[in-house]
């Protein structure tokens, strides 16, 4: 009887999983801290080549908080923007030079000797790649902000590439529900056969409140959700970054500092509800937005440019996020990008204004969500935390001040 009861329990668990499949988790990681940080940086005055920088982040090594290598690319003023959000297991990191409509594949198998695996321009008719997500088949799905039609630029789409950067297929994101859609970022949910994309125009020429739902297997656009207002009345604008929760729901933030929960993705229609907001003022804050988040266990950690802070929300109940901590930066610091150390507790922070050319590290307590600045991460002989990119010389030459944006830790 005990064997039969156990068997019935196992079968029930399997059946429950079939009804409510969960997205696959990340691949297991080796123990130990990351040794390096990879930063995609632009030459500040656009007179020299943009480049990838490698910074030591293992406090037990002599290269800690030092730039150990740089790799210039073949363009100037490309506006280095998003990389992948975490370092892939394959060792090749995808990144975009947004203004140049260029994609770069950085080979980082040997971190201190980075190389360019491939680089390419627009996959016609689409241009301005923004974000990249890994697919179960080893390919890459990218959001493309624009579609070129003659001299006009209209709503872009999604492009699937193979691992070498060859186009596999592409689809348009245009919809009568919202002609202002400019595909921005994405979350892939293989277990549900879904992709969720957002729709902010990088040039801010139009604004959208759309979240689009796609079928992953054939990239059919299933639904365009228009987010409702929040308590302040304007949280729905400029949809930013979607992140998948373990139960198959998705949290989506907006640049206007709203947070929304998207549910029902496995069914015929999904829905979105407002769950949280933080301060933002269109007149006062201008381009100071809430931006890139990371999920660390059950904590949603997000940059808040208007508050000059990084905030930590407990989303164990995603319908009722609760702030548990915030890292308050200097009054002129505008954090924008963060990424989490694989299997670790460190966050990298880049941004604008006071930290435009500075890279900071912070720590998150995975039990409580508490955030603290890592004050030990600083170049030898300097007083301020972080690594300064406002320098005259680099390993590749005297190119002057640089502005880092996308940043990821190496895998342990």
Protein backbone atom coordinates (compact mmCIF):
# COMPACT_ATOMS: atom_id res chain seq x y z
CA UNK A 1 0.00 0.00 0.00
CA UNK A 2 2.84 2.40 0.82
CA UNK A 3 4.32 1.76 -2.64
CA UNK A 4 0.93 2.32 -4.30
CA UNK A 5 0.34 5.56 -2.37
CA UNK A 6 3.76 6.87 -3.30
CA UNK A 7 3.15 5.97 -6.95
CA UNK A 8 -0.17 7.81 -6.94
CA UNK A 9 1.50 10.88 -5.44
CA UNK A 10 4.18 10.86 -8.13
CA UNK A 11 1.59 10.50 -10.88
CA UNK A 12 -0.40 13.39 -9.40
CA UNK A 13 2.69 15.57 -9.32
CA UNK A 14 3.48 14.74 -12.94
CA UNK A 15 -0.09 15.53 -13.97
CA UNK A 16 0.04 18.85 -12.13
CA UNK A 17 3.26 19.72 -13.91
CA UNK A 18 1.65 18.94 -17.26
CA UNK A 19 -1.21 21.30 -16.50
CA UNK A 20 1.04 24.06 -15.15
CA UNK A 21 4.45 23.63 -16.79
CA UNK A 22 7.30 25.65 -15.38
CA UNK A 23 9.99 27.31 -17.47
CA UNK A 24 13.30 25.53 -17.39
CA UNK A 25 15.74 26.96 -14.87
CA UNK A 26 19.27 28.11 -15.65
CA UNK A 27 22.03 25.57 -16.17
CA UNK A 28 23.89 24.53 -13.00
CA UNK A 29 26.94 26.63 -12.23
CA UNK A 30 30.29 25.68 -10.81
CA UNK A 31 31.01 26.91 -7.30
CA UNK A 32 33.02 30.04 -6.71
CA UNK A 33 32.85 33.74 -7.56
CA UNK A 34 33.16 35.21 -11.02
CA UNK A 35 36.71 36.21 -11.93
CA UNK A 36 35.86 38.84 -14.53
CA UNK A 37 33.33 41.43 -15.56
CA UNK A 38 32.68 42.15 -19.25
CA UNK A 39 31.62 45.72 -20.08
CA UNK A 40 30.48 46.97 -23.48
CA UNK A 41 31.67 50.58 -23.71
CA UNK A 42 31.52 53.52 -26.11
CA UNK A 43 34.26 56.06 -26.69
CA UNK A 44 32.84 59.21 -25.05
CA UNK A 45 33.79 61.70 -27.78
CA UNK A 46 33.16 59.17 -30.58
CA UNK A 47 36.60 59.77 -32.04
CA UNK A 48 38.01 56.33 -31.32
CA UNK A 49 36.66 52.79 -31.63
CA UNK A 50 34.09 51.45 -29.18
CA UNK A 51 35.31 48.45 -27.22
CA UNK A 52 34.68 45.59 -24.83
CA UNK A 53 36.52 45.89 -21.50
CA UNK A 54 37.44 43.06 -19.13
CA UNK A 55 37.70 43.98 -15.43
CA UNK A 56 38.92 41.70 -12.65
CA UNK A 57 36.32 41.10 -9.92
CA UNK A 58 37.89 38.31 -7.85
CA UNK A 59 39.09 40.02 -4.63
CA UNK A 60 41.66 37.25 -4.10
CA UNK A 61 43.48 38.04 -7.33
CA UNK A 62 45.97 40.85 -8.01
CA UNK A 63 43.92 42.15 -10.96
CA UNK A 64 40.94 42.97 -8.73
CA UNK A 65 39.21 46.22 -9.79
CA UNK A 66 41.64 46.60 -12.68
CA UNK A 67 41.04 46.70 -16.42
CA UNK A 68 42.92 43.62 -17.63
CA UNK A 69 42.04 43.67 -21.33
CA UNK A 70 40.13 45.62 -23.97
CA UNK A 71 38.93 44.70 -27.44
CA UNK A 72 38.17 47.57 -29.86
CA UNK A 73 35.61 46.96 -32.61
CA UNK A 74 35.54 48.26 -36.18
CA UNK A 75 33.23 51.24 -35.61
CA UNK A 76 33.15 54.57 -33.79
CA UNK A 77 30.09 56.11 -32.21
CA UNK A 78 28.02 52.94 -32.45
CA UNK A 79 26.38 53.67 -29.06
CA UNK A 80 27.21 50.41 -27.31
CA UNK A 81 23.99 49.44 -25.63
CA UNK A 82 22.56 46.08 -24.60
CA UNK A 83 24.46 42.86 -24.26
CA UNK A 84 22.76 39.65 -23.28
CA UNK A 85 21.55 39.90 -19.69
CA UNK A 86 23.86 37.17 -18.42
CA UNK A 87 26.94 35.41 -19.73
CA UNK A 88 25.86 32.34 -21.76
CA UNK A 89 27.38 28.92 -21.12
CA UNK A 90 28.78 28.81 -24.65
CA UNK A 91 31.20 31.66 -23.98
CA UNK A 92 30.04 33.92 -26.84
CA UNK A 93 28.33 37.13 -25.76
CA UNK A 94 25.98 39.02 -28.12
CA UNK A 95 25.92 42.82 -27.99
CA UNK A 96 24.56 45.66 -30.08
CA UNK A 97 25.97 48.95 -31.29
CA UNK A 98 22.52 50.48 -31.46
CA UNK A 99 23.07 53.64 -33.51
CA UNK A 100 25.21 51.75 -36.02
CA UNK A 101 22.67 48.90 -36.28
CA UNK A 102 25.49 46.45 -35.64
CA UNK A 103 25.57 43.17 -33.72
CA UNK A 104 28.84 41.86 -32.28
CA UNK A 105 29.56 38.32 -31.10
CA UNK A 106 32.34 38.47 -28.51
CA UNK A 107 34.27 35.23 -27.98
CA UNK A 108 35.15 35.19 -24.27
CA UNK A 109 36.35 31.63 -23.82
CA UNK A 110 39.70 33.13 -22.84
CA UNK A 111 38.57 36.22 -20.90
CA UNK A 112 41.94 37.99 -20.87
CA UNK A 113 42.24 37.55 -24.65
CA UNK A 114 38.76 38.46 -25.94
CA UNK A 115 38.08 38.11 -29.65
CA UNK A 116 35.34 38.97 -32.13
CA UNK A 117 33.66 35.80 -33.38
CA UNK A 118 31.46 37.71 -35.85
CA UNK A 119 29.94 41.13 -36.54
CA UNK A 120 27.11 42.03 -38.88
CA UNK A 121 24.64 44.76 -39.77
CA UNK A 122 20.92 44.89 -40.40
CA UNK A 123 19.01 41.71 -41.28
CA UNK A 124 16.93 43.49 -43.94
CA UNK A 125 14.34 44.85 -43.73
CA UNK A 126 14.84 45.18 -39.97
CA UNK A 127 17.29 47.41 -38.15
CA UNK A 128 18.43 48.66 -34.78
CA UNK A 129 18.76 45.42 -32.76
CA UNK A 130 18.10 45.93 -29.08
CA UNK A 131 17.84 42.82 -26.88
CA UNK A 132 18.82 39.18 -27.26
CA UNK A 133 17.49 35.97 -25.68
CA UNK A 134 18.79 32.41 -25.91
CA UNK A 135 16.53 29.71 -27.35
CA UNK A 136 16.40 26.00 -26.45
CA UNK A 137 17.67 25.12 -29.95
CA UNK A 138 20.88 27.08 -29.39
CA UNK A 139 19.76 30.05 -31.45
CA UNK A 140 19.17 33.68 -30.52
CA UNK A 141 15.95 35.65 -30.69
CA UNK A 142 16.46 39.42 -31.07
CA UNK A 143 14.14 42.39 -30.93
CA UNK A 144 14.49 44.82 -33.84
CA UNK A 145 13.22 48.34 -33.29
CA UNK A 146 12.66 49.38 -36.90
CA UNK A 147 11.54 48.07 -40.22
CA UNK A 148 12.84 50.04 -43.19
CA UNK A 149 10.33 50.87 -45.91
CA UNK A 150 11.99 53.20 -48.39
CA UNK A 151 13.14 56.22 -46.41
CA UNK A 152 10.66 55.51 -43.60
CA UNK A 153 11.20 53.59 -40.38
CA UNK A 154 8.19 51.78 -39.01
CA UNK A 155 7.39 49.15 -36.40
CA UNK A 156 10.12 46.51 -36.29
CA UNK A 157 9.90 42.85 -35.39
CA UNK A 158 11.65 39.73 -34.13
CA UNK A 159 14.55 37.99 -35.85
CA UNK A 160 15.80 34.52 -34.99
CA UNK A 161 19.48 33.86 -35.65
CA UNK A 162 21.48 30.67 -35.44
CA UNK A 163 24.52 30.60 -33.15
CA UNK A 164 26.76 31.94 -35.93
CA UNK A 165 24.54 34.95 -36.60
CA UNK A 166 22.73 33.72 -39.73
CA UNK A 167 19.06 34.66 -40.03
CA UNK A 168 16.70 31.72 -39.54
CA UNK A 169 13.37 33.55 -39.68
CA UNK A 170 11.82 36.91 -38.95
CA UNK A 171 8.37 38.38 -38.26
CA UNK A 172 6.81 41.82 -38.09
CA UNK A 173 5.48 43.24 -34.83
CA UNK A 174 3.10 45.70 -36.48
CA UNK A 175 -0.44 45.63 -35.15
CA UNK A 176 -3.54 47.76 -35.55
CA UNK A 177 -3.93 47.69 -31.76
CA UNK A 178 -0.91 49.98 -31.33
CA UNK A 179 1.00 51.49 -34.28
CA UNK A 180 3.66 52.86 -31.90
CA UNK A 181 5.14 49.44 -31.06
CA UNK A 182 8.94 49.33 -31.30
CA UNK A 183 10.10 45.90 -30.03
CA UNK A 184 12.40 46.55 -27.09
CA UNK A 185 13.09 43.59 -24.82
CA UNK A 186 11.87 40.02 -24.47
CA UNK A 187 11.42 37.00 -22.25
CA UNK A 188 11.32 33.47 -23.67
CA UNK A 189 9.18 30.82 -21.95
CA UNK A 190 9.92 27.49 -23.70
CA UNK A 191 7.69 25.40 -21.42
CA UNK A 192 4.68 27.50 -22.41
CA UNK A 193 5.74 27.95 -26.06
CA UNK A 194 5.60 31.70 -25.56
CA UNK A 195 7.65 34.87 -25.99
CA UNK A 196 6.77 38.14 -24.27
CA UNK A 197 8.06 41.41 -25.75
CA UNK A 198 7.90 45.07 -24.76
CA UNK A 199 7.64 48.13 -26.97
CA UNK A 200 9.62 51.27 -26.04
CA UNK A 201 11.04 53.41 -28.84
CA UNK A 202 14.71 54.08 -28.06
CA UNK A 203 14.46 57.46 -29.80
CA UNK A 204 11.33 58.42 -27.81
CA UNK A 205 9.64 59.65 -30.96
CA UNK A 206 6.53 57.63 -30.08
CA UNK A 207 5.44 56.02 -26.84
CA UNK A 208 3.71 52.72 -26.31
CA UNK A 209 1.99 50.85 -23.49
CA UNK A 210 2.01 47.53 -25.33
CA UNK A 211 3.16 44.09 -24.25
CA UNK A 212 3.05 41.52 -27.05
CA UNK A 213 2.55 37.76 -26.67
CA UNK A 214 3.98 35.40 -29.33
CA UNK A 215 3.95 31.66 -29.90
CA UNK A 216 7.60 30.60 -29.74
CA UNK A 217 7.34 27.60 -32.08
CA UNK A 218 6.31 29.62 -35.14
CA UNK A 219 6.64 33.25 -33.94
CA UNK A 220 2.97 33.97 -34.49
CA UNK A 221 1.80 37.15 -32.78
CA UNK A 222 -1.05 36.01 -30.53
CA UNK A 223 -1.99 39.10 -28.59
CA UNK A 224 -1.11 42.74 -27.95
CA UNK A 225 -1.92 43.84 -24.41
CA UNK A 226 -2.27 47.56 -23.70
CA UNK A 227 -1.35 48.11 -20.07
CA UNK A 228 -3.88 49.91 -17.88
CA UNK A 229 -2.92 52.99 -15.85
CA UNK A 230 -1.63 52.54 -12.33
CA UNK A 231 -2.49 54.52 -9.22
CA UNK A 232 -0.52 57.55 -10.44
CA UNK A 233 -2.16 57.45 -13.86
CA UNK A 234 0.91 57.22 -16.13
CA UNK A 235 2.75 54.05 -15.06
CA UNK A 236 1.66 52.16 -18.19
CA UNK A 237 3.86 54.04 -20.67
CA UNK A 238 7.15 52.89 -22.18
CA UNK A 239 7.09 49.16 -21.48
CA UNK A 240 10.60 48.03 -20.60
CA UNK A 241 11.81 44.65 -19.34
CA UNK A 242 9.87 41.36 -18.96
CA UNK A 243 11.15 38.66 -16.61
CA UNK A 244 9.64 35.19 -16.23
CA UNK A 245 8.62 33.94 -12.79
CA UNK A 246 9.02 30.24 -11.91
CA UNK A 247 5.27 29.63 -12.20
CA UNK A 248 5.04 30.84 -15.82
CA UNK A 249 3.75 34.32 -15.08
CA UNK A 250 5.80 37.33 -16.16
CA UNK A 251 6.57 40.62 -14.46
CA UNK A 252 7.02 43.61 -16.77
CA UNK A 253 8.29 47.00 -15.67
CA UNK A 254 7.95 50.31 -17.46
CA UNK A 255 10.36 53.20 -17.83
CA UNK A 256 7.74 55.33 -16.09
CA UNK A 257 8.26 53.18 -12.99
CA UNK A 258 5.24 50.90 -13.10
CA UNK A 259 5.29 47.14 -12.51
CA UNK A 260 2.74 44.79 -14.09
CA UNK A 261 1.95 41.09 -13.74
CA UNK A 262 1.10 39.18 -16.93
CA UNK A 263 -0.88 35.99 -16.32
CA UNK A 264 -2.58 33.30 -18.40
CA UNK A 265 0.23 32.98 -20.91
CA UNK A 266 -0.41 29.28 -21.44
CA UNK A 267 -4.04 29.82 -22.39
CA UNK A 268 -5.85 31.45 -25.31
CA UNK A 269 -5.65 34.97 -23.84
CA UNK A 270 -3.29 36.56 -21.35
CA UNK A 271 -4.05 39.49 -19.05
CA UNK A 272 -1.99 42.18 -17.36
CA UNK A 273 -2.61 43.93 -14.06
CA UNK A 274 -0.86 46.81 -12.33
CA UNK A 275 0.88 45.73 -9.09
CA UNK A 276 3.37 48.42 -8.04
CA UNK A 277 4.90 51.79 -8.82
CA UNK A 278 7.70 54.03 -7.64
CA UNK A 279 8.09 57.80 -8.14
CA UNK A 280 8.46 59.29 -11.60
CA UNK A 281 7.62 62.72 -13.01
CA UNK A 282 7.64 63.38 -16.76
CA UNK A 283 8.47 67.06 -16.29
CA UNK A 284 11.13 66.76 -13.62
CA UNK A 285 12.76 63.45 -14.49
CA UNK A 286 13.04 63.83 -18.28
CA UNK A 287 15.14 60.80 -19.28
CA UNK A 288 15.62 59.55 -15.73
CA UNK A 289 13.71 56.31 -15.83
CA UNK A 290 13.24 53.06 -14.01
CA UNK A 291 15.15 50.57 -16.13
CA UNK A 292 16.85 47.16 -16.10
CA UNK A 293 15.77 44.67 -13.38
CA UNK A 294 16.99 41.26 -12.27
CA UNK A 295 15.14 38.48 -10.46
CA UNK A 296 17.18 37.09 -7.58
CA UNK A 297 15.20 34.22 -6.09
CA UNK A 298 11.93 35.92 -5.03
CA UNK A 299 13.31 39.45 -5.13
CA UNK A 300 12.74 41.87 -8.02
CA UNK A 301 15.72 44.23 -8.02
CA UNK A 302 15.40 47.28 -10.24
CA UNK A 303 17.23 50.48 -11.04
CA UNK A 304 15.28 53.65 -10.25
CA UNK A 305 16.85 56.63 -11.99
CA UNK A 306 14.40 59.19 -10.58
CA UNK A 307 15.28 58.11 -7.05
CA UNK A 308 19.04 57.69 -7.71
CA UNK A 309 18.65 54.24 -6.22
CA UNK A 310 18.42 50.51 -6.76
CA UNK A 311 15.36 49.04 -5.06
CA UNK A 312 14.59 45.51 -3.92
CA UNK A 313 11.02 44.20 -3.92
CA UNK A 314 9.84 40.94 -2.37
CA UNK A 315 7.64 39.39 -5.08
CA UNK A 316 6.96 36.06 -3.38
CA UNK A 317 3.36 37.23 -3.88
CA UNK A 318 3.75 39.00 -7.25
CA UNK A 319 0.35 40.65 -6.91
CA UNK A 320 1.58 42.48 -3.84
CA UNK A 321 5.26 43.44 -4.23
CA UNK A 322 6.78 44.79 -1.05
CA UNK A 323 9.90 46.94 -0.89
CA UNK A 324 12.44 45.40 1.48
CA UNK A 325 15.58 47.39 0.73
CA UNK A 326 17.10 50.14 -1.35
CA UNK A 327 20.63 51.11 -2.24
CA UNK A 328 20.74 54.91 -2.23
CA UNK A 329 23.43 56.30 -4.53
CA UNK A 330 24.79 59.84 -4.79
CA UNK A 331 22.33 62.65 -5.71
CA UNK A 332 23.64 62.90 -9.29
CA UNK A 333 23.89 59.15 -9.94
CA UNK A 334 21.31 57.69 -12.35
CA UNK A 335 21.54 53.87 -12.34
CA UNK A 336 20.24 52.15 -15.45
CA UNK A 337 21.74 48.67 -16.03
CA UNK A 338 22.22 45.89 -13.50
CA UNK A 339 23.17 42.22 -13.82
CA UNK A 340 23.59 39.49 -11.22
CA UNK A 341 26.66 37.33 -10.71
CA UNK A 342 25.79 33.75 -11.79
CA UNK A 343 25.08 31.78 -8.63
CA UNK A 344 26.42 34.64 -6.51
CA UNK A 345 25.28 37.71 -4.63
CA UNK A 346 26.99 40.56 -6.51
CA UNK A 347 25.33 43.05 -8.83
CA UNK A 348 27.04 45.24 -11.42
CA UNK A 349 25.59 48.73 -11.92
CA UNK A 350 26.12 51.16 -14.81
CA UNK A 351 24.18 54.31 -15.63
CA UNK A 352 24.18 57.98 -16.48
CA UNK A 353 25.05 61.43 -15.10
CA UNK A 354 27.26 60.95 -12.02
CA UNK A 355 28.04 57.32 -12.86
CA UNK A 356 28.13 57.67 -16.64
CA UNK A 357 31.75 56.55 -16.67
CA UNK A 358 31.86 54.56 -13.44
CA UNK A 359 31.12 50.89 -12.78
CA UNK A 360 29.80 49.95 -9.35
CA UNK A 361 29.31 46.64 -7.59
CA UNK A 362 26.66 45.95 -4.97
CA UNK A 363 25.65 42.92 -2.96
CA UNK A 364 22.23 41.39 -2.37
CA UNK A 365 21.40 39.18 0.58
CA UNK A 366 19.51 36.31 -1.05
CA UNK A 367 17.64 35.60 2.21
CA UNK A 368 16.33 39.10 2.90
CA UNK A 369 16.80 41.04 -0.35
CA UNK A 370 18.94 43.64 1.45
CA UNK A 371 21.20 45.69 -0.82
CA UNK A 372 24.60 47.15 0.06
CA UNK A 373 27.27 48.93 -1.96
CA UNK A 374 30.50 46.96 -2.34
CA UNK A 375 32.94 49.61 -1.12
CA UNK A 376 35.91 47.25 -1.48
CA UNK A 377 35.56 47.32 -5.27
CA UNK A 378 37.77 50.25 -6.21
CA UNK A 379 41.02 50.77 -8.03
CA UNK A 380 44.19 50.77 -5.91
CA UNK A 381 44.92 54.19 -4.46
CA UNK A 382 41.45 55.62 -5.09
CA UNK A 383 38.88 56.75 -2.55
CA UNK A 384 35.60 56.31 -4.42
CA UNK A 385 34.00 52.88 -4.88
CA UNK A 386 33.89 51.46 -8.39
CA UNK A 387 36.12 51.45 -11.45
CA UNK A 388 36.47 54.71 -13.33
CA UNK A 389 36.14 54.63 -17.14
CA UNK A 390 36.97 58.33 -17.34
CA UNK A 391 40.61 57.55 -18.01
CA UNK A 392 43.05 58.55 -20.73
CA UNK A 393 44.60 55.22 -21.66
CA UNK A 394 43.46 51.65 -22.09
CA UNK A 395 45.18 48.38 -22.95
CA UNK A 396 44.40 49.06 -26.62
CA UNK A 397 45.69 52.66 -26.57
CA UNK A 398 45.06 56.27 -25.58
CA UNK A 399 41.42 56.65 -26.57
CA UNK A 400 40.25 58.62 -23.53
CA UNK A 401 37.03 58.55 -21.53
CA UNK A 402 34.52 55.74 -22.19
CA UNK A 403 30.87 55.13 -21.29
CA UNK A 404 30.02 51.54 -20.29
CA UNK A 405 26.49 50.22 -20.66
CA UNK A 406 25.77 46.47 -20.96
CA UNK A 407 27.73 44.51 -18.35
CA UNK A 408 27.79 40.85 -17.31
CA UNK A 409 29.84 38.71 -14.97
CA UNK A 410 31.86 35.80 -16.26
CA UNK A 411 30.60 32.37 -15.38
CA UNK A 412 32.50 30.85 -12.41
